[in-house]
Structures are given as C-alpha cells and as structure tokens.
Amino acid sequence: MEKLHFNYKATQPIDHPVHVGVVASGDLEVLLRPTDKDGAELAIVTGSDGFKETWEHVLDRFFDRYPIKANFEINDFGATPGVVNLRLTQAMEALKDEQ
C-alpha cells in the first residue's frame, strides 16, 4: 500500500462535497470536499505501489482541464489510468448536476 500526496494550483471552488465510485477490485472512489486553501490538495491511498509518475500524468491532465479548488481523497484498489480519469470526470459531472 502506498500513500501519495499532490498539490495543484486551482481557481474554481466547490460549495458541496461529492463522492463517486467504490473501493473494489480494479476500481476506486473519489471524494471531494470544499476548501478555503489556495489550490487543490490530493491524498491518495493505493494498493499498487510504484505508480506515482503515472498518477502525476493523469492528474496533470485532469487539472489542466478542471482547475477545481478542493480537498481530494482517492482510495484506489488497482484502477487503471483510464478508470482514474473516468472517476474524476464523474466527480465533475456530479458537481455540475447538483448545482
């Protein structure tokens, strides 16, 4: 198990929490919470060690598209980069649907 932490510059605050996905084989859950901090903070717990660079590439692309200012908690159980991107995009859809 590996714990990763990332920070990103972000400008678009959220006003309510969001939860998508589940912690299950090949899947992950994403939790977003509003923050007063300047930027996004991500705490990732993953069962797959040694993929920090891969996470960084996926997150770089995500934050280029969605500069969301929030606290992110991601609990991963072996999700592929495509599933990570899908869950993050679903979180953006959930934010939009609830506004």
N, C-alpha and C. Protein backbone atom coordinates (compact mmCIF):
# COMPACT_ATOMS: atom_id res chain seq x y z
N MET A 1 0.86 -1.17 0.00
CA MET A 1 0.00 0.00 0.00
C MET A 1 0.90 1.23 0.00
N GLU A 2 0.52 2.21 -0.80
CA GLU A 2 1.29 3.43 -0.90
C GLU A 2 0.37 4.64 -0.69
N LYS A 3 0.89 5.65 0.00
CA LYS A 3 0.16 6.89 0.21
C LYS A 3 0.86 7.99 -0.57
N LEU A 4 0.11 8.65 -1.44
CA LEU A 4 0.66 9.72 -2.27
C LEU A 4 -0.03 11.03 -1.95
N HIS A 5 0.71 12.11 -2.09
CA HIS A 5 0.15 13.45 -1.85
C HIS A 5 0.57 14.36 -2.99
N PHE A 6 -0.40 15.11 -3.51
CA PHE A 6 -0.15 16.06 -4.58
C PHE A 6 -0.85 17.37 -4.27
N ASN A 7 -0.29 18.46 -4.76
CA ASN A 7 -0.91 19.78 -4.67
C ASN A 7 -0.93 20.39 -6.06
N TYR A 8 -2.03 21.05 -6.39
CA TYR A 8 -2.17 21.70 -7.69
C TYR A 8 -2.72 23.11 -7.51
N LYS A 9 -2.28 23.99 -8.37
CA LYS A 9 -2.88 25.32 -8.42
C LYS A 9 -4.27 25.16 -8.99
N ALA A 10 -5.22 25.82 -8.36
CA ALA A 10 -6.61 25.71 -8.82
C ALA A 10 -7.35 26.98 -8.45
N THR A 11 -8.38 27.30 -9.23
CA THR A 11 -9.08 28.57 -9.04
C THR A 11 -10.59 28.42 -8.87
N GLN A 12 -11.15 27.27 -9.17
CA GLN A 12 -12.60 27.11 -9.16
C GLN A 12 -13.05 26.36 -7.90
N PRO A 13 -13.57 27.11 -6.90
CA PRO A 13 -14.00 26.45 -5.66
C PRO A 13 -15.27 25.63 -5.87
N ILE A 14 -15.47 24.67 -4.99
CA ILE A 14 -16.73 23.91 -4.97
C ILE A 14 -17.45 24.29 -3.69
N ASP A 15 -18.78 24.11 -3.66
CA ASP A 15 -19.53 24.51 -2.48
C ASP A 15 -20.20 23.35 -1.74
N HIS A 16 -19.99 22.12 -2.24
CA HIS A 16 -20.54 20.96 -1.54
C HIS A 16 -19.68 19.74 -1.84
N PRO A 17 -19.70 18.76 -0.94
CA PRO A 17 -18.89 17.55 -1.15
C PRO A 17 -19.49 16.66 -2.25
N VAL A 18 -18.61 15.84 -2.82
CA VAL A 18 -19.01 14.89 -3.86
C VAL A 18 -18.32 13.56 -3.58
N HIS A 19 -19.04 12.46 -3.84
CA HIS A 19 -18.49 11.12 -3.68
C HIS A 19 -18.91 10.28 -4.88
N VAL A 20 -17.93 9.70 -5.59
CA VAL A 20 -18.21 8.80 -6.71
C VAL A 20 -17.31 7.58 -6.60
N GLY A 21 -17.80 6.47 -7.14
CA GLY A 21 -17.03 5.25 -7.20
C GLY A 21 -17.07 4.47 -5.90
N VAL A 22 -16.42 3.31 -5.92
CA VAL A 22 -16.34 2.42 -4.77
C VAL A 22 -14.93 1.83 -4.70
N VAL A 23 -14.55 1.43 -3.51
CA VAL A 23 -13.26 0.76 -3.37
C VAL A 23 -13.52 -0.73 -3.59
N ALA A 24 -13.14 -1.20 -4.76
CA ALA A 24 -13.33 -2.60 -5.12
C ALA A 24 -12.24 -2.97 -6.13
N SER A 25 -12.08 -4.22 -6.39
CA SER A 25 -11.03 -4.68 -7.29
C SER A 25 -11.08 -3.95 -8.63
N GLY A 26 -9.99 -3.29 -8.99
CA GLY A 26 -9.90 -2.59 -10.26
C GLY A 26 -10.68 -1.29 -10.30
N ASP A 27 -11.08 -0.77 -9.15
CA ASP A 27 -11.89 0.45 -9.11
C ASP A 27 -11.33 1.38 -8.04
N LEU A 28 -11.97 2.52 -7.87
CA LEU A 28 -11.56 3.46 -6.84
C LEU A 28 -12.70 4.40 -6.51
N GLU A 29 -12.57 5.07 -5.38
CA GLU A 29 -13.54 6.09 -5.01
C GLU A 29 -12.84 7.44 -4.95
N VAL A 30 -13.60 8.47 -5.29
CA VAL A 30 -13.11 9.85 -5.26
C VAL A 30 -14.06 10.64 -4.36
N LEU A 31 -13.49 11.32 -3.39
CA LEU A 31 -14.25 12.21 -2.51
C LEU A 31 -13.66 13.61 -2.66
N LEU A 32 -14.53 14.58 -2.89
CA LEU A 32 -14.13 15.98 -2.98
C LEU A 32 -14.82 16.73 -1.85
N ARG A 33 -14.06 17.59 -1.21
CA ARG A 33 -14.62 18.43 -0.15
C ARG A 33 -14.20 19.87 -0.39
N PRO A 34 -15.09 20.82 -0.11
CA PRO A 34 -14.71 22.23 -0.26
C PRO A 34 -13.52 22.58 0.64
N THR A 35 -12.76 23.58 0.21
CA THR A 35 -11.60 24.02 0.99
C THR A 35 -11.47 25.54 0.91
N ASP A 36 -10.85 26.10 1.93
CA ASP A 36 -10.55 27.53 1.93
C ASP A 36 -9.12 27.80 1.46
N LYS A 37 -8.37 26.75 1.21
CA LYS A 37 -6.97 26.89 0.80
C LYS A 37 -6.88 27.32 -0.67
N ASP A 38 -5.72 27.83 -1.03
CA ASP A 38 -5.48 28.27 -2.40
C ASP A 38 -4.97 27.10 -3.23
N GLY A 39 -5.88 26.33 -3.78
CA GLY A 39 -5.48 25.22 -4.63
C GLY A 39 -6.14 23.93 -4.22
N ALA A 40 -5.68 22.88 -4.86
CA ALA A 40 -6.21 21.54 -4.62
C ALA A 40 -5.17 20.71 -3.89
N GLU A 41 -5.64 19.96 -2.91
CA GLU A 41 -4.78 19.01 -2.20
C GLU A 41 -5.35 17.62 -2.41
N LEU A 42 -4.48 16.70 -2.78
CA LEU A 42 -4.91 15.33 -3.02
C LEU A 42 -4.18 14.37 -2.10
N ALA A 43 -4.94 13.50 -1.46
CA ALA A 43 -4.40 12.40 -0.66
C ALA A 43 -4.89 11.11 -1.32
N ILE A 44 -3.95 10.30 -1.75
CA ILE A 44 -4.28 9.08 -2.47
C ILE A 44 -3.73 7.89 -1.69
N VAL A 45 -4.58 6.91 -1.47
CA VAL A 45 -4.16 5.63 -0.89
C VAL A 45 -4.38 4.59 -1.98
N THR A 46 -3.31 3.91 -2.36
CA THR A 46 -3.40 2.94 -3.45
C THR A 46 -2.77 1.62 -3.04
N GLY A 47 -3.37 0.55 -3.49
CA GLY A 47 -2.84 -0.78 -3.25
C GLY A 47 -1.76 -1.15 -4.24
N SER A 48 -1.49 -0.30 -5.22
CA SER A 48 -0.49 -0.58 -6.25
C SER A 48 0.71 0.35 -6.05
N ASP A 49 1.79 -0.18 -5.55
CA ASP A 49 2.99 0.61 -5.29
C ASP A 49 3.76 0.90 -6.58
N GLY A 50 4.47 2.05 -6.57
CA GLY A 50 5.39 2.36 -7.66
C GLY A 50 4.79 3.08 -8.85
N PHE A 51 3.60 3.64 -8.72
CA PHE A 51 2.95 4.30 -9.85
C PHE A 51 2.78 5.80 -9.66
N LYS A 52 3.63 6.43 -8.85
CA LYS A 52 3.50 7.85 -8.58
C LYS A 52 3.57 8.67 -9.87
N GLU A 53 4.49 8.34 -10.75
CA GLU A 53 4.65 9.08 -12.00
C GLU A 53 3.40 8.95 -12.88
N THR A 54 2.80 7.78 -12.92
CA THR A 54 1.58 7.57 -13.69
C THR A 54 0.45 8.41 -13.11
N TRP A 55 0.30 8.40 -11.76
CA TRP A 55 -0.71 9.23 -11.12
C TRP A 55 -0.50 10.69 -11.49
N GLU A 56 0.75 11.12 -11.44
CA GLU A 56 1.06 12.52 -11.73
C GLU A 56 0.64 12.90 -13.16
N HIS A 57 0.88 12.04 -14.12
CA HIS A 57 0.49 12.32 -15.52
C HIS A 57 -1.03 12.44 -15.64
N VAL A 58 -1.76 11.51 -15.03
CA VAL A 58 -3.22 11.55 -15.10
C VAL A 58 -3.74 12.82 -14.42
N LEU A 59 -3.21 13.15 -13.26
CA LEU A 59 -3.67 14.33 -12.53
C LEU A 59 -3.30 15.64 -13.22
N ASP A 60 -2.12 15.68 -13.83
CA ASP A 60 -1.73 16.88 -14.59
C ASP A 60 -2.75 17.18 -15.68
N ARG A 61 -3.14 16.15 -16.42
CA ARG A 61 -4.13 16.33 -17.49
C ARG A 61 -5.48 16.75 -16.93
N PHE A 62 -5.88 16.15 -15.80
CA PHE A 62 -7.15 16.48 -15.19
C PHE A 62 -7.17 17.95 -14.76
N PHE A 63 -6.14 18.40 -14.06
CA PHE A 63 -6.14 19.78 -13.56
C PHE A 63 -5.90 20.81 -14.66
N ASP A 64 -5.32 20.43 -15.76
CA ASP A 64 -5.26 21.33 -16.92
C ASP A 64 -6.67 21.62 -17.43
N ARG A 65 -7.53 20.65 -17.31
CA ARG A 65 -8.90 20.78 -17.80
C ARG A 65 -9.87 21.31 -16.74
N TYR A 66 -9.70 20.86 -15.50
CA TYR A 66 -10.60 21.21 -14.40
C TYR A 66 -9.79 21.76 -13.22
N PRO A 67 -9.56 23.06 -13.14
CA PRO A 67 -8.79 23.62 -12.02
C PRO A 67 -9.66 23.74 -10.76
N ILE A 68 -10.09 22.61 -10.23
CA ILE A 68 -11.02 22.55 -9.11
C ILE A 68 -10.26 22.73 -7.80
N LYS A 69 -10.68 23.72 -7.02
CA LYS A 69 -10.08 24.01 -5.72
C LYS A 69 -10.86 23.21 -4.67
N ALA A 70 -10.26 22.11 -4.20
CA ALA A 70 -10.93 21.22 -3.26
C ALA A 70 -9.91 20.32 -2.59
N ASN A 71 -10.35 19.66 -1.53
CA ASN A 71 -9.58 18.57 -0.94
C ASN A 71 -10.06 17.29 -1.60
N PHE A 72 -9.15 16.55 -2.20
CA PHE A 72 -9.46 15.29 -2.86
C PHE A 72 -8.95 14.15 -2.00
N GLU A 73 -9.79 13.16 -1.81
CA GLU A 73 -9.37 11.90 -1.19
C GLU A 73 -9.68 10.82 -2.20
N ILE A 74 -8.66 10.06 -2.57
CA ILE A 74 -8.84 8.99 -3.55
C ILE A 74 -8.36 7.70 -2.92
N ASN A 75 -9.23 6.70 -2.92
CA ASN A 75 -8.92 5.37 -2.39
C ASN A 75 -8.97 4.40 -3.56
N ASP A 76 -7.80 3.86 -3.89
CA ASP A 76 -7.63 3.07 -5.11
C ASP A 76 -7.38 1.60 -4.77
N PHE A 77 -8.00 0.74 -5.57
CA PHE A 77 -7.78 -0.69 -5.43
C PHE A 77 -7.40 -1.27 -6.80
N GLY A 78 -6.33 -0.71 -7.37
CA GLY A 78 -5.80 -1.25 -8.63
C GLY A 78 -6.46 -0.73 -9.89
N ALA A 79 -7.03 0.47 -9.85
CA ALA A 79 -7.68 1.03 -11.04
C ALA A 79 -6.64 1.40 -12.09
N THR A 80 -7.01 1.24 -13.33
CA THR A 80 -6.14 1.66 -14.43
C THR A 80 -6.22 3.18 -14.59
N PRO A 81 -5.27 3.79 -15.30
CA PRO A 81 -5.35 5.24 -15.53
C PRO A 81 -6.67 5.66 -16.18
N GLY A 82 -7.21 4.84 -17.06
CA GLY A 82 -8.49 5.16 -17.69
C GLY A 82 -9.63 5.21 -16.69
N VAL A 83 -9.63 4.31 -15.72
CA VAL A 83 -10.67 4.30 -14.70
C VAL A 83 -10.49 5.51 -13.77
N VAL A 84 -9.25 5.86 -13.46
CA VAL A 84 -9.00 7.05 -12.64
C VAL A 84 -9.58 8.28 -13.33
N ASN A 85 -9.27 8.44 -14.61
CA ASN A 85 -9.80 9.57 -15.37
C ASN A 85 -11.33 9.55 -15.41
N LEU A 86 -11.91 8.39 -15.60
CA LEU A 86 -13.37 8.25 -15.61
C LEU A 86 -13.99 8.71 -14.30
N ARG A 87 -13.45 8.24 -13.17
CA ARG A 87 -14.00 8.61 -11.86
C ARG A 87 -13.85 10.11 -11.60
N LEU A 88 -12.70 10.69 -11.95
CA LEU A 88 -12.51 12.13 -11.77
C LEU A 88 -13.51 12.92 -12.62
N THR A 89 -13.73 12.47 -13.85
CA THR A 89 -14.70 13.13 -14.72
C THR A 89 -16.11 12.96 -14.18
N GLN A 90 -16.42 11.80 -13.63
CA GLN A 90 -17.73 11.59 -13.00
C GLN A 90 -17.93 12.54 -11.82
N ALA A 91 -16.88 12.80 -11.07
CA ALA A 91 -16.98 13.75 -9.96
C ALA A 91 -17.32 15.14 -10.48
N MET A 92 -16.75 15.53 -11.63
CA MET A 92 -17.07 16.84 -12.22
C MET A 92 -18.52 16.88 -12.68
N GLU A 93 -19.00 15.78 -13.24
CA GLU A 93 -20.40 15.69 -13.65
C GLU A 93 -21.32 15.78 -12.43
N ALA A 94 -20.94 15.11 -11.34
CA ALA A 94 -21.76 15.16 -10.12
C ALA A 94 -21.81 16.59 -9.57
N LEU A 95 -20.72 17.31 -9.63
CA LEU A 95 -20.72 18.72 -9.20
C LEU A 95 -21.67 19.53 -10.03
N LYS A 96 -21.65 19.33 -11.34
CA LYS A 96 -22.49 20.09 -12.26
C LYS A 96 -23.96 19.75 -12.07
N ASP A 97 -24.26 18.46 -11.88
CA ASP A 97 -25.64 18.01 -11.72
C ASP A 97 -26.28 18.55 -10.45
N GLU A 98 -25.48 18.76 -9.40
CA GLU A 98 -26.03 19.19 -8.12
C GLU A 98 -26.11 20.71 -8.01
N GLN A 99 -25.56 21.44 -8.97
CA GLN A 99 -25.58 22.91 -8.89
C GLN A 99 -26.87 23.48 -9.38
